[in-house]
Amino acid sequence: MAAASRQQGDTLLTLFYPDHDNFWLGLLPGVPAVLAFAISGRRDHLPRLWRLMRWLLVLAQLILLFWQPVLWLQGEPLTGVGLTLVVLDAVALFWLLSNPRLRACFLPHED
């Protein structure tokens, strides 16, 4: 039963993420977002770290924005999915830097 489940897991991974070599590397840019989510409930107790989280998210978004063109320069084919990712990364970065409500979320809470 376990062998069948393992083969099915590999098949599903191949279906949703065909490039096995970069799978774990592809998860790394999400670590700052997970960390921000994890400490968001304690942001009043960790105000310095919470303010830094915004800039960590901006840095992660910058890395994502430039990662795809680097892959293209290394010979990956230019696809619609890749172009969509670059556009969405640019929009997310713009939103992180310019949205006043989002910026206010990372400011110290005043009572």
PDB file of N, CA and C in Angstrom:
ATOM      1  N   MET A   1       0.819  -1.185   0.000  1.00  0.00           N
ATOM      2  CA  MET A   1       0.000   0.000   0.000  1.00  0.00           C
ATOM      3  C   MET A   1       0.872   1.262   0.000  1.00  0.00           C
ATOM      4  N   ALA A   2       1.947   1.252   0.812  1.00  0.00           N
ATOM      5  CA  ALA A   2       2.808   2.430   0.896  1.00  0.00           C
ATOM      6  C   ALA A   2       3.516   2.695  -0.423  1.00  0.00           C
ATOM      7  N   ALA A   3       3.918   1.641  -1.132  1.00  0.00           N
ATOM      8  CA  ALA A   3       4.603   1.813  -2.416  1.00  0.00           C
ATOM      9  C   ALA A   3       3.668   2.424  -3.446  1.00  0.00           C
ATOM     10  N   ALA A   4       2.415   1.991  -3.448  1.00  0.00           N
ATOM     11  CA  ALA A   4       1.442   2.563  -4.379  1.00  0.00           C
ATOM     12  C   ALA A   4       1.203   4.024  -4.054  1.00  0.00           C
ATOM     13  N   SER A   5       1.128   4.341  -2.792  1.00  0.00           N
ATOM     14  CA  SER A   5       0.911   5.720  -2.372  1.00  0.00           C
ATOM     15  C   SER A   5       2.100   6.599  -2.759  1.00  0.00           C
ATOM     16  N   ARG A   6       3.312   6.066  -2.602  1.00  0.00           N
ATOM     17  CA  ARG A   6       4.510   6.827  -2.961  1.00  0.00           C
ATOM     18  C   ARG A   6       4.543   7.101  -4.460  1.00  0.00           C
ATOM     19  N   GLN A   7       4.216   6.090  -5.257  1.00  0.00           N
ATOM     20  CA  GLN A   7       4.202   6.281  -6.709  1.00  0.00           C
ATOM     21  C   GLN A   7       3.120   7.285  -7.100  1.00  0.00           C
ATOM     22  N   GLN A   8       1.991   7.218  -6.444  1.00  0.00           N
ATOM     23  CA  GLN A   8       0.917   8.167  -6.724  1.00  0.00           C
ATOM     24  C   GLN A   8       1.348   9.582  -6.334  1.00  0.00           C
ATOM     25  N   GLY A   9       2.078   9.722  -5.229  1.00  0.00           N
ATOM     26  CA  GLY A   9       2.591  11.026  -4.810  1.00  0.00           C
ATOM     27  C   GLY A   9       3.563  11.590  -5.823  1.00  0.00           C
ATOM     28  N   ASP A  10       4.446  10.752  -6.334  1.00  0.00           N
ATOM     29  CA  ASP A  10       5.387  11.197  -7.369  1.00  0.00           C
ATOM     30  C   ASP A  10       4.653  11.617  -8.640  1.00  0.00           C
ATOM     31  N   THR A  11       3.614  10.862  -8.983  1.00  0.00           N
ATOM     32  CA  THR A  11       2.830  11.200 -10.175  1.00  0.00           C
ATOM     33  C   THR A  11       2.137  12.543  -9.993  1.00  0.00           C
ATOM     34  N   LEU A  12       1.561  12.767  -8.826  1.00  0.00           N
ATOM     35  CA  LEU A  12       0.893  14.045  -8.562  1.00  0.00           C
ATOM     36  C   LEU A  12       1.888  15.202  -8.552  1.00  0.00           C
ATOM     37  N   LEU A  13       3.060  14.979  -7.956  1.00  0.00           N
ATOM     38  CA  LEU A  13       4.080  16.021  -7.948  1.00  0.00           C
ATOM     39  C   LEU A  13       4.506  16.361  -9.369  1.00  0.00           C
ATOM     40  N   THR A  14       4.671  15.362 -10.201  1.00  0.00           N
ATOM     41  CA  THR A  14       5.044  15.591 -11.596  1.00  0.00           C
ATOM     42  C   THR A  14       3.950  16.349 -12.336  1.00  0.00           C
ATOM     43  N   LEU A  15       2.708  16.057 -11.998  1.00  0.00           N
ATOM     44  CA  LEU A  15       1.587  16.739 -12.646  1.00  0.00           C
ATOM     45  C   LEU A  15       1.569  18.225 -12.294  1.00  0.00           C
ATOM     46  N   PHE A  16       1.742  18.557 -11.007  1.00  0.00           N
ATOM     47  CA  PHE A  16       1.632  19.947 -10.572  1.00  0.00           C
ATOM     48  C   PHE A  16       2.961  20.695 -10.579  1.00  0.00           C
ATOM     49  N   TYR A  17       4.071  19.975 -10.504  1.00  0.00           N
ATOM     50  CA  TYR A  17       5.384  20.621 -10.472  1.00  0.00           C
ATOM     51  C   TYR A  17       6.360  19.759 -11.256  1.00  0.00           C
ATOM     52  N   PRO A  18       6.376  19.907 -12.585  1.00  0.00           N
ATOM     53  CA  PRO A  18       7.179  19.000 -13.415  1.00  0.00           C
ATOM     54  C   PRO A  18       8.689  19.107 -13.196  1.00  0.00           C
ATOM     55  N   ASP A  19       9.187  20.214 -12.713  1.00  0.00           N
ATOM     56  CA  ASP A  19      10.625  20.398 -12.519  1.00  0.00           C
ATOM     57  C   ASP A  19      11.004  19.988 -11.096  1.00  0.00           C
ATOM     58  N   HIS A  20      11.335  18.708 -10.900  1.00  0.00           N
ATOM     59  CA  HIS A  20      11.663  18.204  -9.564  1.00  0.00           C
ATOM     60  C   HIS A  20      12.933  18.825  -9.007  1.00  0.00           C
ATOM     61  N   ASP A  21      13.866  19.210  -9.860  1.00  0.00           N
ATOM     62  CA  ASP A  21      15.154  19.735  -9.397  1.00  0.00           C
ATOM     63  C   ASP A  21      15.007  21.038  -8.630  1.00  0.00           C
ATOM     64  N   ASN A  22      14.084  21.866  -9.034  1.00  0.00           N
ATOM     65  CA  ASN A  22      13.924  23.178  -8.394  1.00  0.00           C
ATOM     66  C   ASN A  22      12.747  23.235  -7.431  1.00  0.00           C
ATOM     67  N   PHE A  23      12.200  22.079  -7.056  1.00  0.00           N
ATOM     68  CA  PHE A  23      11.021  22.078  -6.193  1.00  0.00           C
ATOM     69  C   PHE A  23      11.300  22.748  -4.848  1.00  0.00           C
ATOM     70  N   TRP A  24      12.324  22.290  -4.142  1.00  0.00           N
ATOM     71  CA  TRP A  24      12.610  22.851  -2.817  1.00  0.00           C
ATOM     72  C   TRP A  24      13.113  24.286  -2.929  1.00  0.00           C
ATOM     73  N   LEU A  25      13.879  24.563  -3.956  1.00  0.00           N
ATOM     74  CA  LEU A  25      14.330  25.931  -4.183  1.00  0.00           C
ATOM     75  C   LEU A  25      13.139  26.843  -4.464  1.00  0.00           C
ATOM     76  N   GLY A  26      12.140  26.319  -5.133  1.00  0.00           N
ATOM     77  CA  GLY A  26      10.937  27.093  -5.427  1.00  0.00           C
ATOM     78  C   GLY A  26      10.101  27.396  -4.196  1.00  0.00           C
ATOM     79  N   LEU A  27      10.256  26.605  -3.154  1.00  0.00           N
ATOM     80  CA  LEU A  27       9.520  26.866  -1.913  1.00  0.00           C
ATOM     81  C   LEU A  27      10.176  27.946  -1.052  1.00  0.00           C
ATOM     82  N   LEU A  28      11.465  28.185  -1.232  1.00  0.00           N
ATOM     83  CA  LEU A  28      12.194  29.139  -0.387  1.00  0.00           C
ATOM     84  C   LEU A  28      11.618  30.561  -0.390  1.00  0.00           C
ATOM     85  N   PRO A  29      11.203  31.116  -1.529  1.00  0.00           N
ATOM     86  CA  PRO A  29      10.665  32.485  -1.484  1.00  0.00           C
ATOM     87  C   PRO A  29       9.402  32.627  -0.642  1.00  0.00           C
ATOM     88  N   GLY A  30       8.727  31.544  -0.360  1.00  0.00           N
ATOM     89  CA  GLY A  30       7.531  31.612   0.469  1.00  0.00           C
ATOM     90  C   GLY A  30       7.811  31.631   1.960  1.00  0.00           C
ATOM     91  N   VAL A  31       9.052  31.371   2.348  1.00  0.00           N
ATOM     92  CA  VAL A  31       9.396  31.320   3.771  1.00  0.00           C
ATOM     93  C   VAL A  31       9.135  32.656   4.474  1.00  0.00           C
ATOM     94  N   PRO A  32       9.502  33.820   3.908  1.00  0.00           N
ATOM     95  CA  PRO A  32       9.183  35.077   4.599  1.00  0.00           C
ATOM     96  C   PRO A  32       7.684  35.288   4.804  1.00  0.00           C
ATOM     97  N   ALA A  33       6.869  34.896   3.841  1.00  0.00           N
ATOM     98  CA  ALA A  33       5.421  35.044   3.993  1.00  0.00           C
ATOM     99  C   ALA A  33       4.896  34.130   5.107  1.00  0.00           C
ATOM    100  N   VAL A  34       5.413  32.923   5.184  1.00  0.00           N
ATOM    101  CA  VAL A  34       5.005  31.996   6.248  1.00  0.00           C
ATOM    102  C   VAL A  34       5.446  32.544   7.603  1.00  0.00           C
ATOM    103  N   LEU A  35       6.655  33.068   7.663  1.00  0.00           N
ATOM    104  CA  LEU A  35       7.156  33.651   8.909  1.00  0.00           C
ATOM    105  C   LEU A  35       6.305  34.847   9.328  1.00  0.00           C
ATOM    106  N   ALA A  36       5.953  35.707   8.380  1.00  0.00           N
ATOM    107  CA  ALA A  36       5.100  36.866   8.682  1.00  0.00           C
ATOM    108  C   ALA A  36       3.741  36.399   9.194  1.00  0.00           C
ATOM    109  N   PHE A  37       3.190  35.377   8.568  1.00  0.00           N
ATOM    110  CA  PHE A  37       1.912  34.839   9.033  1.00  0.00           C
ATOM    111  C   PHE A  37       2.041  34.279  10.444  1.00  0.00           C
ATOM    112  N   ALA A  38       3.145  33.589  10.698  1.00  0.00           N
ATOM    113  CA  ALA A  38       3.332  32.947  12.000  1.00  0.00           C
ATOM    114  C   ALA A  38       3.461  33.954  13.133  1.00  0.00           C
ATOM    115  N   ILE A  39       4.109  35.078  12.882  1.00  0.00           N
ATOM    116  CA  ILE A  39       4.292  36.057  13.969  1.00  0.00           C
ATOM    117  C   ILE A  39       3.239  37.162  13.952  1.00  0.00           C
ATOM    118  N   SER A  40       2.323  37.141  13.004  1.00  0.00           N
ATOM    119  CA  SER A  40       1.339  38.226  12.923  1.00  0.00           C
ATOM    120  C   SER A  40       0.477  38.323  14.173  1.00  0.00           C
ATOM    121  N   GLY A  41       0.192  37.220  14.803  1.00  0.00           N
ATOM    122  CA  GLY A  41      -0.598  37.247  16.033  1.00  0.00           C
ATOM    123  C   GLY A  41       0.171  37.764  17.225  1.00  0.00           C
ATOM    124  N   ARG A  42       1.484  37.800  17.131  1.00  0.00           N
ATOM    125  CA  ARG A  42       2.331  38.270  18.239  1.00  0.00           C
ATOM    126  C   ARG A  42       3.015  39.590  17.897  1.00  0.00           C
ATOM    127  N   ARG A  43       2.514  40.296  16.888  1.00  0.00           N
ATOM    128  CA  ARG A  43       3.210  41.497  16.423  1.00  0.00           C
ATOM    129  C   ARG A  43       3.295  42.587  17.489  1.00  0.00           C
ATOM    130  N   ASP A  44       2.367  42.609  18.443  1.00  0.00           N
ATOM    131  CA  ASP A  44       2.456  43.598  19.527  1.00  0.00           C
ATOM    132  C   ASP A  44       3.605  43.269  20.482  1.00  0.00           C
ATOM    133  N   HIS A  45       3.957  42.010  20.565  1.00  0.00           N
ATOM    134  CA  HIS A  45       5.050  41.587  21.450  1.00  0.00           C
ATOM    135  C   HIS A  45       6.407  41.613  20.751  1.00  0.00           C
ATOM    136  N   LEU A  46       6.401  41.649  19.428  1.00  0.00           N
ATOM    137  CA  LEU A  46       7.636  41.662  18.642  1.00  0.00           C
ATOM    138  C   LEU A  46       7.614  42.822  17.646  1.00  0.00           C
ATOM    139  N   PRO A  47       7.536  44.069  18.125  1.00  0.00           N
ATOM    140  CA  PRO A  47       7.345  45.191  17.194  1.00  0.00           C
ATOM    141  C   PRO A  47       8.515  45.405  16.232  1.00  0.00           C
ATOM    142  N   ARG A  48       9.730  45.223  16.688  1.00  0.00           N
ATOM    143  CA  ARG A  48      10.881  45.422  15.784  1.00  0.00           C
ATOM    144  C   ARG A  48      10.892  44.391  14.664  1.00  0.00           C
ATOM    145  N   LEU A  49      10.692  43.141  15.052  1.00  0.00           N
ATOM    146  CA  LEU A  49      10.662  42.066  14.066  1.00  0.00           C
ATOM    147  C   LEU A  49       9.500  42.261  13.095  1.00  0.00           C
ATOM    148  N   TRP A  50       8.358  42.708  13.618  1.00  0.00           N
ATOM    149  CA  TRP A  50       7.199  42.916  12.757  1.00  0.00           C
ATOM    150  C   TRP A  50       7.463  44.010  11.721  1.00  0.00           C
ATOM    151  N   ARG A  51       8.123  45.094  12.122  1.00  0.00           N
ATOM    152  CA  ARG A  51       8.455  46.159  11.151  1.00  0.00           C
ATOM    153  C   ARG A  51       9.434  45.648  10.103  1.00  0.00           C
ATOM    154  N   LEU A  52      10.370  44.794  10.516  1.00  0.00           N
ATOM    155  CA  LEU A  52      11.334  44.218   9.571  1.00  0.00           C
ATOM    156  C   LEU A  52      10.684  43.252   8.582  1.00  0.00           C
ATOM    157  N   MET A  53       9.580  42.647   8.986  1.00  0.00           N
ATOM    158  CA  MET A  53       8.923  41.674   8.125  1.00  0.00           C
ATOM    159  C   MET A  53       8.476  42.299   6.807  1.00  0.00           C
ATOM    160  N   ARG A  54       8.056  43.534   6.837  1.00  0.00           N
ATOM    161  CA  ARG A  54       7.643  44.191   5.588  1.00  0.00           C
ATOM    162  C   ARG A  54       8.812  44.240   4.613  1.00  0.00           C
ATOM    163  N   TRP A  55       9.975  44.610   5.116  1.00  0.00           N
ATOM    164  CA  TRP A  55      11.141  44.718   4.239  1.00  0.00           C
ATOM    165  C   TRP A  55      11.653  43.344   3.818  1.00  0.00           C
ATOM    166  N   LEU A  56      11.474  42.351   4.661  1.00  0.00           N
ATOM    167  CA  LEU A  56      11.825  40.991   4.280  1.00  0.00           C
ATOM    168  C   LEU A  56      10.897  40.500   3.162  1.00  0.00           C
ATOM    169  N   LEU A  57       9.618  40.848   3.260  1.00  0.00           N
ATOM    170  CA  LEU A  57       8.672  40.496   2.198  1.00  0.00           C
ATOM    171  C   LEU A  57       9.003  41.223   0.894  1.00  0.00           C
ATOM    172  N   VAL A  58       9.412  42.488   0.998  1.00  0.00           N
ATOM    173  CA  VAL A  58       9.815  43.244  -0.197  1.00  0.00           C
ATOM    174  C   VAL A  58      11.047  42.596  -0.831  1.00  0.00           C
ATOM    175  N   LEU A  59      12.017  42.221  -0.012  1.00  0.00           N
ATOM    176  CA  LEU A  59      13.218  41.574  -0.524  1.00  0.00           C
ATOM    177  C   LEU A  59      12.880  40.245  -1.216  1.00  0.00           C
ATOM    178  N   ALA A  60      12.023  39.456  -0.595  1.00  0.00           N
ATOM    179  CA  ALA A  60      11.615  38.187  -1.197  1.00  0.00           C
ATOM    180  C   ALA A  60      10.902  38.431  -2.529  1.00  0.00           C
ATOM    181  N   GLN A  61      10.094  39.474  -2.586  1.00  0.00           N
ATOM    182  CA  GLN A  61       9.380  39.773  -3.828  1.00  0.00           C
ATOM    183  C   GLN A  61      10.348  40.241  -4.914  1.00  0.00           C
ATOM    184  N   LEU A  62      11.362  41.007  -4.534  1.00  0.00           N
ATOM    185  CA  LEU A  62      12.387  41.412  -5.503  1.00  0.00           C
ATOM    186  C   LEU A  62      13.131  40.201  -6.063  1.00  0.00           C
ATOM    187  N   ILE A  63      13.452  39.274  -5.191  1.00  0.00           N
ATOM    188  CA  ILE A  63      14.131  38.057  -5.636  1.00  0.00           C
ATOM    189  C   ILE A  63      13.252  37.295  -6.618  1.00  0.00           C
ATOM    190  N   LEU A  64      11.973  37.167  -6.287  1.00  0.00           N
ATOM    191  CA  LEU A  64      11.050  36.481  -7.195  1.00  0.00           C
ATOM    192  C   LEU A  64      10.932  37.200  -8.534  1.00  0.00           C
ATOM    193  N   LEU A  65      10.917  38.522  -8.491  1.00  0.00           N
ATOM    194  CA  LEU A  65      10.761  39.313  -9.712  1.00  0.00           C
ATOM    195  C   LEU A  65      11.936  39.111 -10.663  1.00  0.00           C
ATOM    196  N   PHE A  66      13.140  38.982 -10.114  1.00  0.00           N
ATOM    197  CA  PHE A  66      14.321  38.834 -10.961  1.00  0.00           C
ATOM    198  C   PHE A  66      14.711  37.383 -11.220  1.00  0.00           C
ATOM    199  N   TRP A  67      14.122  36.455 -10.473  1.00  0.00           N
ATOM    200  CA  TRP A  67      14.456  35.052 -10.628  1.00  0.00           C
ATOM    201  C   TRP A  67      14.032  34.512 -11.998  1.00  0.00           C
ATOM    202  N   GLN A  68      12.818  34.823 -12.419  1.00  0.00           N
ATOM    203  CA  GLN A  68      12.318  34.302 -13.689  1.00  0.00           C
ATOM    204  C   GLN A  68      13.140  34.792 -14.882  1.00  0.00           C
ATOM    205  N   PRO A  69      13.461  36.089 -14.991  1.00  0.00           N
ATOM    206  CA  PRO A  69      14.327  36.494 -16.104  1.00  0.00           C
ATOM    207  C   PRO A  69      15.703  35.830 -16.081  1.00  0.00           C
ATOM    208  N   VAL A  70      16.238  35.559 -14.896  1.00  0.00           N
ATOM    209  CA  VAL A  70      17.519  34.857 -14.817  1.00  0.00           C
ATOM    210  C   VAL A  70      17.371  33.448 -15.393  1.00  0.00           C
ATOM    211  N   LEU A  71      16.249  32.799 -15.095  1.00  0.00           N
ATOM    212  CA  LEU A  71      16.006  31.477 -15.675  1.00  0.00           C
ATOM    213  C   LEU A  71      15.913  31.555 -17.191  1.00  0.00           C
ATOM    214  N   TRP A  72      15.304  32.602 -17.706  1.00  0.00           N
ATOM    215  CA  TRP A  72      15.215  32.777 -19.157  1.00  0.00           C
ATOM    216  C   TRP A  72      16.601  32.966 -19.765  1.00  0.00           C
ATOM    217  N   LEU A  73      17.451  33.723 -19.084  1.00  0.00           N
ATOM    218  CA  LEU A  73      18.806  33.937 -19.591  1.00  0.00           C
ATOM    219  C   LEU A  73      19.632  32.654 -19.559  1.00  0.00           C
ATOM    220  N   GLN A  74      19.274  31.733 -18.691  1.00  0.00           N
ATOM    221  CA  GLN A  74      19.977  30.453 -18.604  1.00  0.00           C
ATOM    222  C   GLN A  74      19.434  29.421 -19.591  1.00  0.00           C
ATOM    223  N   GLY A  75      18.477  29.826 -20.415  1.00  0.00           N
ATOM    224  CA  GLY A  75      18.015  28.937 -21.463  1.00  0.00           C
ATOM    225  C   GLY A  75      16.621  28.386 -21.312  1.00  0.00           C
ATOM    226  N   GLU A  76      15.910  28.737 -20.247  1.00  0.00           N
ATOM    227  CA  GLU A  76      14.520  28.281 -20.122  1.00  0.00           C
ATOM    228  C   GLU A  76      13.671  28.948 -21.178  1.00  0.00           C
ATOM    229  N   PRO A  77      12.705  28.218 -21.715  1.00  0.00           N
ATOM    230  CA  PRO A  77      11.853  28.831 -22.738  1.00  0.00           C
ATOM    231  C   PRO A  77      10.939  29.902 -22.145  1.00  0.00           C
ATOM    232  N   LEU A  78      10.696  30.915 -22.937  1.00  0.00           N
ATOM    233  CA  LEU A  78       9.800  32.002 -22.554  1.00  0.00           C
ATOM    234  C   LEU A  78       8.372  31.531 -22.771  1.00  0.00           C
ATOM    235  N   THR A  79       7.607  31.451 -21.679  1.00  0.00           N
ATOM    236  CA  THR A  79       6.239  30.955 -21.776  1.00  0.00           C
ATOM    237  C   THR A  79       5.274  31.982 -21.206  1.00  0.00           C
ATOM    238  N   GLY A  80       4.011  31.755 -21.468  1.00  0.00           N
ATOM    239  CA  GLY A  80       2.975  32.630 -20.921  1.00  0.00           C
ATOM    240  C   GLY A  80       2.905  32.562 -19.409  1.00  0.00           C
ATOM    241  N   VAL A  81       3.161  31.383 -18.870  1.00  0.00           N
ATOM    242  CA  VAL A  81       3.153  31.222 -17.410  1.00  0.00           C
ATOM    243  C   VAL A  81       4.272  32.048 -16.788  1.00  0.00           C
ATOM    244  N   GLY A  82       5.455  31.992 -17.380  1.00  0.00           N
ATOM    245  CA  GLY A  82       6.583  32.772 -16.866  1.00  0.00           C
ATOM    246  C   GLY A  82       6.322  34.262 -16.944  1.00  0.00           C
ATOM    247  N   LEU A  83       5.770  34.704 -18.058  1.00  0.00           N
ATOM    248  CA  LEU A  83       5.442  36.134 -18.192  1.00  0.00           C
ATOM    249  C   LEU A  83       4.382  36.552 -17.174  1.00  0.00           C
ATOM    250  N   THR A  84       3.395  35.698 -16.972  1.00  0.00           N
ATOM    251  CA  THR A  84       2.355  36.000 -15.988  1.00  0.00           C
ATOM    252  C   THR A  84       2.943  36.107 -14.593  1.00  0.00           C
ATOM    253  N   LEU A  85       3.862  35.201 -14.253  1.00  0.00           N
ATOM    254  CA  LEU A  85       4.504  35.261 -12.939  1.00  0.00           C
ATOM    255  C   LEU A  85       5.281  36.555 -12.747  1.00  0.00           C
ATOM    256  N   VAL A  86       5.991  36.992 -13.780  1.00  0.00           N
ATOM    257  CA  VAL A  86       6.753  38.237 -13.676  1.00  0.00           C
ATOM    258  C   VAL A  86       5.810  39.423 -13.486  1.00  0.00           C
ATOM    259  N   VAL A  87       4.725  39.455 -14.230  1.00  0.00           N
ATOM    260  CA  VAL A  87       3.764  40.556 -14.089  1.00  0.00           C
ATOM    261  C   VAL A  87       3.135  40.548 -12.702  1.00  0.00           C
ATOM    262  N   LEU A  88       2.728  39.368 -12.229  1.00  0.00           N
ATOM    263  CA  LEU A  88       2.130  39.282 -10.895  1.00  0.00           C
ATOM    264  C   LEU A  88       3.128  39.636  -9.796  1.00  0.00           C
ATOM    265  N   ASP A  89       4.386  39.232  -9.962  1.00  0.00           N
ATOM    266  CA  ASP A  89       5.417  39.607  -8.984  1.00  0.00           C
ATOM    267  C   ASP A  89       5.629  41.115  -8.967  1.00  0.00           C
ATOM    268  N   ALA A  90       5.599  41.754 -10.132  1.00  0.00           N
ATOM    269  CA  ALA A  90       5.759  43.210 -10.201  1.00  0.00           C
ATOM    270  C   ALA A  90       4.582  43.913  -9.534  1.00  0.00           C
ATOM    271  N   VAL A  91       3.383  43.416  -9.754  1.00  0.00           N
ATOM    272  CA  VAL A  91       2.192  44.003  -9.116  1.00  0.00           C
ATOM    273  C   VAL A  91       2.262  43.839  -7.603  1.00  0.00           C
ATOM    274  N   ALA A  92       2.661  42.652  -7.143  1.00  0.00           N
ATOM    275  CA  ALA A  92       2.772  42.413  -5.705  1.00  0.00           C
ATOM    276  C   ALA A  92       3.827  43.317  -5.071  1.00  0.00           C
ATOM    277  N   LEU A  93       4.950  43.500  -5.744  1.00  0.00           N
ATOM    278  CA  LEU A  93       5.999  44.380  -5.227  1.00  0.00           C
ATOM    279  C   LEU A  93       5.508  45.820  -5.170  1.00  0.00           C
ATOM    280  N   PHE A  94       4.841  46.260  -6.229  1.00  0.00           N
ATOM    281  CA  PHE A  94       4.287  47.619  -6.244  1.00  0.00           C
ATOM    282  C   PHE A  94       3.299  47.799  -5.101  1.00  0.00           C
ATOM    283  N   TRP A  95       2.465  46.797  -4.871  1.00  0.00           N
ATOM    284  CA  TRP A  95       1.470  46.877  -3.814  1.00  0.00           C
ATOM    285  C   TRP A  95       2.132  46.919  -2.441  1.00  0.00           C
ATOM    286  N   LEU A  96       3.154  46.103  -2.241  1.00  0.00           N
ATOM    287  CA  LEU A  96       3.874  46.105  -0.959  1.00  0.00           C
ATOM    288  C   LEU A  96       4.506  47.464  -0.665  1.00  0.00           C
ATOM    289  N   LEU A  97       4.988  48.118  -1.709  1.00  0.00           N
ATOM    290  CA  LEU A  97       5.692  49.387  -1.508  1.00  0.00           C
ATOM    291  C   LEU A  97       4.770  50.603  -1.483  1.00  0.00           C
ATOM    292  N   SER A  98       3.617  50.522  -2.129  1.00  0.00           N
ATOM    293  CA  SER A  98       2.828  51.746  -2.301  1.00  0.00           C
ATOM    294  C   SER A  98       1.503  51.780  -1.551  1.00  0.00           C
ATOM    295  N   ASN A  99       0.973  50.667  -1.141  1.00  0.00           N
ATOM    296  CA  ASN A  99      -0.339  50.661  -0.512  1.00  0.00           C
ATOM    297  C   ASN A  99      -0.258  51.186   0.918  1.00  0.00           C
ATOM    298  N   PRO A 100      -0.919  52.310   1.205  1.00  0.00           N
ATOM    299  CA  PRO A 100      -0.818  52.888   2.561  1.00  0.00           C
ATOM    300  C   PRO A 100      -1.450  52.012   3.638  1.00  0.00           C
ATOM    301  N   ARG A 101      -2.511  51.295   3.318  1.00  0.00           N
ATOM    302  CA  ARG A 101      -3.143  50.427   4.321  1.00  0.00           C
ATOM    303  C   ARG A 101      -2.236  49.256   4.670  1.00  0.00           C
ATOM    304  N   LEU A 102      -1.571  48.724   3.663  1.00  0.00           N
ATOM    305  CA  LEU A 102      -0.636  47.630   3.921  1.00  0.00           C
ATOM    306  C   LEU A 102       0.563  48.122   4.720  1.00  0.00           C
ATOM    307  N   ARG A 103       1.059  49.304   4.376  1.00  0.00           N
ATOM    308  CA  ARG A 103       2.180  49.890   5.120  1.00  0.00           C
ATOM    309  C   ARG A 103       1.786  50.107   6.577  1.00  0.00           C
ATOM    310  N   ALA A 104       0.556  50.544   6.802  1.00  0.00           N
ATOM    311  CA  ALA A 104       0.084  50.797   8.166  1.00  0.00           C
ATOM    312  C   ALA A 104       0.007  49.514   8.992  1.00  0.00           C
ATOM    313  N   CYS A 105      -0.177  48.374   8.339  1.00  0.00           N
ATOM    314  CA  CYS A 105      -0.217  47.097   9.063  1.00  0.00           C
ATOM    315  C   CYS A 105       1.115  46.795   9.737  1.00  0.00           C
ATOM    316  N   PHE A 106       2.196  47.318   9.201  1.00  0.00           N
ATOM    317  CA  PHE A 106       3.522  47.017   9.743  1.00  0.00           C
ATOM    318  C   PHE A 106       4.055  48.117  10.662  1.00  0.00           C
ATOM    319  N   LEU A 107       3.239  49.131  10.905  1.00  0.00           N
ATOM    320  CA  LEU A 107       3.630  50.179  11.849  1.00  0.00           C
ATOM    321  C   LEU A 107       3.259  49.749  13.255  1.00  0.00           C
ATOM    322  N   PRO A 108       3.954  50.294  14.260  1.00  0.00           N
ATOM    323  CA  PRO A 108       3.614  49.940  15.644  1.00  0.00           C
ATOM    324  C   PRO A 108       2.171  50.344  15.956  1.00  0.00           C
ATOM    325  N   HIS A 109       1.489  49.481  16.695  1.00  0.00           N
ATOM    326  CA  HIS A 109       0.109  49.723  17.061  1.00  0.00           C
ATOM    327  C   HIS A 109       0.050  50.718  18.223  1.00  0.00           C
ATOM    328  N   GLU A 110      -0.724  51.775  18.045  1.00  0.00           N
ATOM    329  CA  GLU A 110      -0.855  52.794  19.097  1.00  0.00           C
ATOM    330  C   GLU A 110      -2.260  52.719  19.678  1.00  0.00           C
ATOM    331  N   ASP A 111      -2.351  52.675  20.994  1.00  0.00           N
ATOM    332  CA  ASP A 111      -3.671  52.652  21.663  1.00  0.00           C
ATOM    333  C   ASP A 111      -4.126  54.025  22.030  1.00  0.00           C
TER     334      ASP A 111
END
